[in-house]
Amino acid sequence: MIYPIARNLLFKFSPEKAHHISMSALQSICGIGALKSIVRNQFSYNHTDLNQKLWGLDFRNPVGLAAGFDKNALYLRELEALGFGYMEIGTVTPKAQPGNPAPRLFRLPQDKALINRMGFNNDGVEAANSRVAKWKDVGNNAMIIGGNIGKNKVTPNEEAYKDYEICFNVLFDNVDYFVVNVSSPNTPGLRELQEKSALSKIMLDLQNINQGKKNPRPLFLKIAPDLTESQLDDIIEIAQTSKLSGLVATNTTIDRSNLTTNINEVNAIGAGGLSGKPVQNKSTEILDYLYKNLSKDISILASGGIFTGQDAKEKLDKGAKLVQIWTGFIYEGPAIVKKICTYLSQNK
């Protein structure tokens, strides 16, 4: 009941400012041991019935936070206290970069959606890695950490594989799994890397490096919801040839159809990836197609339009192993993980 009031206040600020205000406040609260325990008790789902072991990793529940919320690994302690089973830092790039000019994040409340053109703004992979390492040194961490990796804007596509290599090697000792991001619409030319030849080179290269390590990490690929069936078939072939652990389906969409927000307002926002409720059905259709056509040793992490336990269950019933939220977290608030987990537990 309290969050709708807080949300109304936060929505008076720009999305990026609201993000900073809310997470800084949570950071201050969780910096006090007793208050952190209260947060954990209030928002975490503290039961073992949703525990599962996947890819050698112990997930306390199937609800994760998608990449983009905590790009720089600043809020790991706070997100763990909110009960997430796992989260992804990033997207990180080899060198720090500012991303696109603000404003670059926009709310569409009527549609329960966001449009972003952030452009991989981040502090660089070394900074993120040091924060994850410091957090892990504290110990007793129940939340699985994924590393979502990308290329710098200035890196030409033909050399993109080098950026992914750098990020992979830097993060390897401190993250539990990797997600390769070639599907953001906000870095010029990035989605061209989803084409078969370019993507094959990147994924085979990373998997060769991965398998040369003592303890290879689960390796995933994040894909766009705007792919044709032919493109999806290419993705499936690459996933199987590269022996990926799985796919993350899906990223944001560039499709603006079926929005209830005034078209002039939407057009005024300009370019960017759309997330939230409008992408829910499309991402589920992609999930369904992948599950029916992938070999069953390749898993799917479902992302796109998850706001409720029912939304999460639909994705899991369609074949996803885990789910990820982002926009739903903004609109539904910090209790969303516990609400989803409670529903899943009661509706197995």
Protein backbone atom coordinates (compact mmCIF):
# COMPACT_ATOMS: atom_id res chain seq x y z
CA MET A 1 0.00 0.00 0.00
CA ILE A 2 2.89 2.35 0.72
CA TYR A 3 4.72 1.92 -2.58
CA PRO A 4 2.02 3.49 -4.81
CA ILE A 5 2.40 6.68 -2.75
CA ALA A 6 6.19 6.53 -2.97
CA ARG A 7 5.96 5.80 -6.69
CA ASN A 8 3.78 8.85 -7.27
CA LEU A 9 6.41 10.97 -5.54
CA LEU A 10 9.31 9.37 -7.41
CA PHE A 11 7.53 9.75 -10.74
CA LYS A 12 7.67 13.53 -10.25
CA PHE A 13 11.41 13.24 -10.87
CA SER A 14 13.11 12.18 -14.07
CA PRO A 15 13.51 8.38 -14.26
CA GLU A 16 17.27 8.50 -13.75
CA LYS A 17 16.97 10.91 -10.81
CA ALA A 18 14.25 8.76 -9.24
CA HIS A 19 16.47 5.70 -9.63
CA HIS A 20 19.33 7.46 -7.85
CA ILE A 21 17.11 8.77 -5.04
CA SER A 22 15.43 5.44 -4.32
CA MET A 23 18.57 3.30 -4.48
CA SER A 24 20.62 5.78 -2.43
CA ALA A 25 17.92 5.69 0.24
CA LEU A 26 17.92 1.89 0.22
CA GLN A 27 21.71 1.93 0.37
CA SER A 28 21.62 4.08 3.49
CA ILE A 29 19.05 1.82 5.13
CA CYS A 30 20.95 -1.38 4.34
CA GLY A 31 24.15 0.16 5.65
CA ILE A 32 22.72 -0.32 9.14
CA GLY A 33 22.74 -4.00 10.09
CA ALA A 34 19.47 -4.03 12.00
CA LEU A 35 17.63 -2.14 9.26
CA LYS A 36 19.05 -4.42 6.59
CA SER A 37 17.64 -7.40 8.49
CA ILE A 38 14.24 -5.72 8.56
CA VAL A 39 14.39 -5.14 4.80
CA ARG A 40 15.38 -8.75 4.21
CA ASN A 41 12.61 -10.07 6.46
CA GLN A 42 10.03 -7.81 4.86
CA PHE A 43 10.86 -8.39 1.20
CA SER A 44 12.65 -11.74 0.85
CA TYR A 45 10.90 -15.04 0.24
CA ASN A 46 12.55 -17.12 2.95
CA HIS A 47 11.49 -20.64 1.99
CA THR A 48 13.34 -23.46 0.27
CA ASP A 49 10.54 -24.73 -1.96
CA LEU A 50 11.70 -22.61 -4.92
CA ASN A 51 15.39 -23.52 -4.59
CA GLN A 52 16.93 -25.13 -7.64
CA LYS A 53 20.36 -26.09 -8.88
CA LEU A 54 21.08 -25.10 -12.48
CA TRP A 55 24.44 -25.17 -14.30
CA GLY A 56 26.07 -26.02 -10.99
CA LEU A 57 24.67 -22.86 -9.37
CA ASP A 58 22.28 -22.74 -6.42
CA PHE A 59 19.38 -20.36 -7.06
CA ARG A 60 17.29 -19.55 -4.01
CA ASN A 61 14.37 -18.63 -6.28
CA PRO A 62 13.79 -18.18 -10.03
CA VAL A 63 13.28 -14.39 -9.98
CA GLY A 64 16.17 -12.30 -11.23
CA LEU A 65 16.88 -8.66 -12.00
CA ALA A 66 17.75 -8.05 -15.64
CA ALA A 67 20.83 -6.15 -16.73
CA GLY A 68 20.60 -2.38 -16.89
CA PHE A 69 19.27 -1.68 -13.41
CA ASP A 70 22.58 -1.96 -11.59
CA LYS A 71 25.03 -1.51 -14.43
CA ASN A 72 28.01 -0.74 -12.20
CA ALA A 73 27.47 -3.25 -9.36
CA LEU A 74 26.73 -0.47 -6.87
CA TYR A 75 23.72 -2.04 -5.13
CA LEU A 76 24.46 -5.76 -4.73
CA ARG A 77 23.89 -5.76 -0.97
CA GLU A 78 20.58 -3.96 -1.36
CA LEU A 79 19.28 -6.15 -4.17
CA GLU A 80 20.17 -9.29 -2.27
CA ALA A 81 18.20 -7.95 0.72
CA LEU A 82 15.18 -7.46 -1.56
CA GLY A 83 15.19 -11.18 -2.24
CA PHE A 84 16.36 -11.54 -5.83
CA GLY A 85 17.51 -15.04 -6.66
CA TYR A 86 20.00 -13.62 -9.11
CA MET A 87 20.86 -10.43 -10.97
CA GLU A 88 23.00 -9.24 -13.84
CA ILE A 89 25.45 -6.40 -13.63
CA GLY A 90 26.05 -4.39 -16.78
CA THR A 91 25.93 -4.18 -19.61
CA VAL A 92 29.63 -3.46 -19.01
CA THR A 93 32.18 -2.56 -21.66
CA PRO A 94 36.00 -2.64 -21.63
CA LYS A 95 36.30 1.12 -21.20
CA ALA A 96 34.02 3.45 -19.28
CA GLN A 97 31.65 5.41 -21.49
CA PRO A 98 28.97 8.03 -20.79
CA GLY A 99 26.26 6.58 -22.99
CA ASN A 100 23.82 8.72 -24.90
CA PRO A 101 22.88 12.29 -23.88
CA ALA A 102 20.03 12.78 -21.41
CA PRO A 103 17.10 12.62 -21.42
CA ARG A 104 17.44 8.96 -22.36
CA LEU A 105 14.95 7.14 -20.14
CA PHE A 106 11.20 7.73 -20.36
CA ARG A 107 8.09 6.42 -18.62
CA LEU A 108 4.86 5.45 -20.36
CA PRO A 109 2.62 4.92 -17.29
CA GLN A 110 -0.53 4.25 -19.32
CA ASP A 111 1.23 1.29 -20.89
CA LYS A 112 3.26 0.25 -17.84
CA ALA A 113 6.30 0.67 -20.04
CA LEU A 114 9.65 2.38 -20.35
CA ILE A 115 11.59 3.60 -23.35
CA ASN A 116 15.34 3.81 -22.96
CA ARG A 117 18.25 4.79 -25.15
CA MET A 118 20.90 4.65 -22.45
CA GLY A 119 23.67 3.48 -24.76
CA PHE A 120 25.70 1.20 -22.46
CA ASN A 121 26.64 3.97 -20.02
CA ASN A 122 28.91 2.33 -17.45
CA ASP A 123 32.08 2.78 -15.39
CA GLY A 124 33.98 0.12 -17.33
CA VAL A 125 34.49 -3.56 -16.63
CA GLU A 126 37.41 -3.11 -14.21
CA ALA A 127 35.39 -0.89 -11.87
CA ALA A 128 32.41 -3.23 -11.90
CA ASN A 129 34.62 -6.25 -11.32
CA SER A 130 36.30 -4.70 -8.29
CA ARG A 131 32.90 -4.01 -6.72
CA VAL A 132 31.68 -7.55 -7.29
CA ALA A 133 34.92 -8.92 -5.84
CA LYS A 134 34.57 -6.73 -2.76
CA TRP A 135 30.96 -7.84 -2.28
CA LYS A 136 31.89 -11.51 -2.61
CA ASP A 137 34.71 -11.10 -0.10
CA VAL A 138 32.12 -10.21 2.54
CA GLY A 139 30.69 -13.72 2.16
CA ASN A 140 27.28 -15.22 2.93
CA ASN A 141 25.90 -14.10 -0.41
CA ALA A 142 22.71 -15.85 -1.45
CA MET A 143 22.31 -14.05 -4.78
CA ILE A 144 23.81 -15.39 -8.01
CA ILE A 145 25.64 -12.73 -10.09
CA GLY A 146 25.72 -12.67 -13.87
CA GLY A 147 27.96 -10.52 -16.01
CA ASN A 148 26.23 -8.91 -18.98
CA ILE A 149 28.92 -7.86 -21.45
CA GLY A 150 28.97 -5.61 -24.50
CA LYS A 151 31.20 -3.60 -26.79
CA ASN A 152 32.24 0.03 -26.60
CA LYS A 153 30.48 2.40 -28.96
CA VAL A 154 33.75 3.34 -30.70
CA THR A 155 34.73 -0.28 -31.36
CA PRO A 156 34.02 -1.28 -34.97
CA ASN A 157 31.88 -4.39 -35.36
CA GLU A 158 34.69 -6.36 -36.98
CA GLU A 159 36.69 -5.94 -33.76
CA ALA A 160 33.76 -6.39 -31.37
CA TYR A 161 34.89 -9.89 -30.39
CA LYS A 162 37.94 -8.33 -28.71
CA ASP A 163 35.72 -6.23 -26.41
CA TYR A 164 33.71 -9.29 -25.41
CA GLU A 165 36.96 -11.18 -24.74
CA ILE A 166 38.25 -8.40 -22.48
CA CYS A 167 35.06 -8.22 -20.44
CA PHE A 168 34.87 -12.00 -20.17
CA ASN A 169 38.42 -12.38 -18.92
CA VAL A 170 38.22 -9.51 -16.43
CA LEU A 171 34.96 -10.69 -14.86
CA PHE A 172 35.61 -14.42 -15.02
CA ASP A 173 36.74 -15.00 -11.44
CA ASN A 174 33.93 -12.99 -9.85
CA VAL A 175 30.70 -13.62 -11.73
CA ASP A 176 28.74 -16.86 -11.79
CA TYR A 177 27.60 -16.75 -15.41
CA PHE A 178 27.85 -14.57 -18.51
CA VAL A 179 25.35 -13.00 -20.90
CA VAL A 180 26.52 -11.67 -24.25
CA ASN A 181 24.50 -8.62 -25.27
CA VAL A 182 24.29 -8.02 -29.01
CA SER A 183 20.62 -7.05 -28.95
CA SER A 184 20.40 -3.57 -27.47
CA PRO A 185 18.95 -1.13 -30.01
CA ASN A 186 20.81 1.80 -28.46
CA THR A 187 24.37 1.25 -29.67
CA PRO A 188 24.71 2.00 -33.39
CA GLY A 189 25.21 -1.17 -35.41
CA LEU A 190 25.13 -3.50 -32.39
CA ARG A 191 22.15 -5.53 -33.58
CA GLU A 192 24.05 -6.29 -36.78
CA LEU A 193 26.12 -8.61 -34.58
CA GLN A 194 23.05 -10.85 -34.30
CA GLU A 195 23.60 -11.86 -37.92
CA LYS A 196 24.86 -15.40 -38.28
CA SER A 197 28.49 -15.00 -39.32
CA ALA A 198 29.33 -12.18 -36.90
CA LEU A 199 27.55 -13.82 -33.98
CA SER A 200 29.10 -17.23 -34.63
CA LYS A 201 32.57 -15.71 -34.42
CA ILE A 202 31.86 -13.99 -31.10
CA MET A 203 30.17 -16.95 -29.42
CA LEU A 204 32.63 -19.60 -30.61
CA ASP A 205 35.54 -17.39 -29.59
CA LEU A 206 34.15 -16.85 -26.09
CA GLN A 207 33.25 -20.48 -25.63
CA ASN A 208 36.75 -21.56 -26.65
CA ILE A 209 38.19 -19.21 -24.03
CA ASN A 210 35.62 -20.39 -21.51
CA GLN A 211 36.35 -24.07 -21.99
CA GLY A 212 40.05 -23.40 -21.60
CA LYS A 213 39.45 -22.18 -18.05
CA LYS A 214 39.60 -24.46 -15.01
CA ASN A 215 35.92 -23.94 -14.16
CA PRO A 216 34.00 -22.81 -17.26
CA ARG A 217 31.08 -20.48 -16.64
CA PRO A 218 27.55 -20.88 -17.99
CA LEU A 219 27.40 -18.77 -21.15
CA PHE A 220 24.18 -17.16 -22.42
CA LEU A 221 23.18 -14.96 -25.34
CA LYS A 222 20.57 -12.20 -25.01
CA ILE A 223 18.40 -11.74 -28.08
CA ALA A 224 15.96 -9.14 -29.39
CA PRO A 225 12.20 -9.72 -29.66
CA ASP A 226 12.21 -8.28 -33.19
CA LEU A 227 13.84 -11.25 -34.92
CA THR A 228 12.19 -13.17 -37.75
CA GLU A 229 11.76 -16.94 -37.57
CA SER A 230 14.65 -17.30 -40.00
CA GLN A 231 16.86 -15.21 -37.72
CA LEU A 232 15.70 -17.20 -34.70
CA ASP A 233 16.63 -20.41 -36.51
CA ASP A 234 20.13 -18.99 -37.03
CA ILE A 235 20.30 -18.13 -33.32
CA ILE A 236 19.24 -21.67 -32.42
CA GLU A 237 21.92 -23.13 -34.68
CA ILE A 238 24.58 -20.88 -33.17
CA ALA A 239 23.47 -21.72 -29.62
CA GLN A 240 23.78 -25.42 -30.35
CA THR A 241 27.04 -25.18 -32.30
CA SER A 242 28.59 -22.99 -29.59
CA LYS A 243 27.25 -25.25 -26.85
CA LEU A 244 25.70 -22.34 -24.99
CA SER A 245 24.04 -22.87 -21.63
CA GLY A 246 21.08 -20.87 -22.84
CA LEU A 247 19.43 -17.80 -24.26
CA VAL A 248 17.91 -14.75 -22.57
CA ALA A 249 14.63 -13.94 -24.30
CA THR A 250 14.19 -11.07 -24.72
CA ASN A 251 15.71 -7.60 -24.76
CA THR A 252 13.70 -4.44 -25.51
CA THR A 253 11.74 -3.96 -28.73
CA ILE A 254 11.84 -1.16 -31.30
CA ASP A 255 8.19 -1.85 -32.18
CA ARG A 256 5.83 0.92 -30.99
CA SER A 257 2.53 -0.58 -32.18
CA ASN A 258 -0.44 -1.14 -29.86
CA LEU A 259 0.55 1.53 -27.33
CA THR A 260 -2.21 3.45 -25.57
CA THR A 261 0.05 6.44 -24.87
CA ASN A 262 -0.67 9.33 -27.24
CA ILE A 263 1.21 8.77 -30.49
CA ASN A 264 2.51 12.35 -30.53
CA GLU A 265 3.99 11.88 -27.06
CA VAL A 266 5.62 8.63 -28.14
CA ASN A 267 7.03 10.18 -31.31
CA ALA A 268 8.39 13.12 -29.31
CA ILE A 269 10.42 10.72 -27.18
CA GLY A 270 12.30 9.49 -30.21
CA ALA A 271 14.45 6.40 -30.57
CA GLY A 272 14.94 3.76 -27.90
CA GLY A 273 14.05 0.29 -26.74
CA LEU A 274 10.57 -0.32 -25.34
CA SER A 275 10.17 -2.55 -22.28
CA GLY A 276 7.34 -3.53 -19.95
CA LYS A 277 3.83 -4.76 -20.62
CA PRO A 278 3.82 -4.00 -24.38
CA VAL A 279 6.63 -6.50 -24.96
CA GLN A 280 5.09 -9.27 -22.84
CA ASN A 281 3.26 -11.17 -25.56
CA LYS A 282 6.01 -10.82 -28.12
CA SER A 283 8.67 -12.07 -25.72
CA THR A 284 6.46 -15.02 -24.77
CA GLU A 285 6.00 -15.90 -28.43
CA ILE A 286 9.78 -15.88 -28.88
CA LEU A 287 10.16 -18.03 -25.76
CA ASP A 288 7.60 -20.51 -27.06
CA TYR A 289 9.31 -20.79 -30.45
CA LEU A 290 12.74 -21.25 -28.90
CA TYR A 291 11.58 -23.90 -26.45
CA LYS A 292 9.93 -25.92 -29.19
CA ASN A 293 12.99 -25.79 -31.44
CA LEU A 294 16.02 -25.77 -29.15
CA SER A 295 17.66 -28.93 -27.91
CA LYS A 296 16.63 -29.40 -24.29
CA ASP A 297 20.16 -29.04 -22.95
CA ILE A 298 19.95 -25.33 -23.83
CA SER A 299 17.91 -23.35 -21.33
CA ILE A 300 15.93 -20.12 -21.62
CA LEU A 301 15.84 -17.22 -19.18
CA ALA A 302 12.63 -15.28 -19.79
CA SER A 303 12.48 -11.51 -19.68
CA GLY A 304 9.83 -9.12 -20.93
CA GLY A 305 6.68 -7.74 -19.34
CA ILE A 306 6.75 -9.67 -16.07
CA PHE A 307 4.79 -7.80 -13.40
CA THR A 308 2.99 -10.54 -11.42
CA GLY A 309 3.28 -14.11 -10.29
CA GLN A 310 0.88 -15.07 -13.07
CA ASP A 311 3.17 -13.43 -15.63
CA ALA A 312 6.16 -15.32 -14.28
CA LYS A 313 4.30 -18.63 -14.20
CA GLU A 314 3.25 -18.21 -17.82
CA LYS A 315 6.90 -17.86 -18.83
CA LEU A 316 7.95 -20.85 -16.73
CA ASP A 317 5.09 -22.95 -18.09
CA LYS A 318 6.25 -22.09 -21.61
CA GLY A 319 9.64 -23.61 -20.84
CA ALA A 320 11.77 -20.94 -19.16
CA LYS A 321 14.05 -22.08 -16.35
CA LEU A 322 14.20 -18.65 -14.71
CA VAL A 323 12.60 -15.23 -15.15
CA GLN A 324 13.96 -11.68 -15.06
CA ILE A 325 12.22 -8.44 -14.18
CA TRP A 326 13.15 -4.80 -14.71
CA THR A 327 10.29 -2.51 -15.73
CA GLY A 328 7.95 -4.45 -13.43
CA PHE A 329 10.27 -3.60 -10.54
CA ILE A 330 9.85 0.11 -11.29
CA TYR A 331 6.06 -0.01 -11.45
CA GLU A 332 5.33 -2.63 -8.78
CA GLY A 333 8.02 -1.77 -6.25
CA PRO A 334 10.34 -3.69 -3.91
CA ALA A 335 7.73 -6.26 -2.87
CA ILE A 336 7.53 -7.69 -6.39
CA VAL A 337 10.02 -10.52 -5.79
CA LYS A 338 8.22 -11.79 -2.71
CA LYS A 339 4.82 -11.50 -4.43
CA ILE A 340 5.99 -13.47 -7.45
CA CYS A 341 7.71 -16.12 -5.34
CA THR A 342 4.68 -16.51 -3.08
CA TYR A 343 2.42 -16.99 -6.10
CA LEU A 344 4.78 -19.51 -7.69
CA SER A 345 5.01 -21.47 -4.46
CA GLN A 346 1.24 -21.60 -4.08
CA ASN A 347 0.56 -22.46 -7.73
CA LYS A 348 3.06 -25.15 -8.61
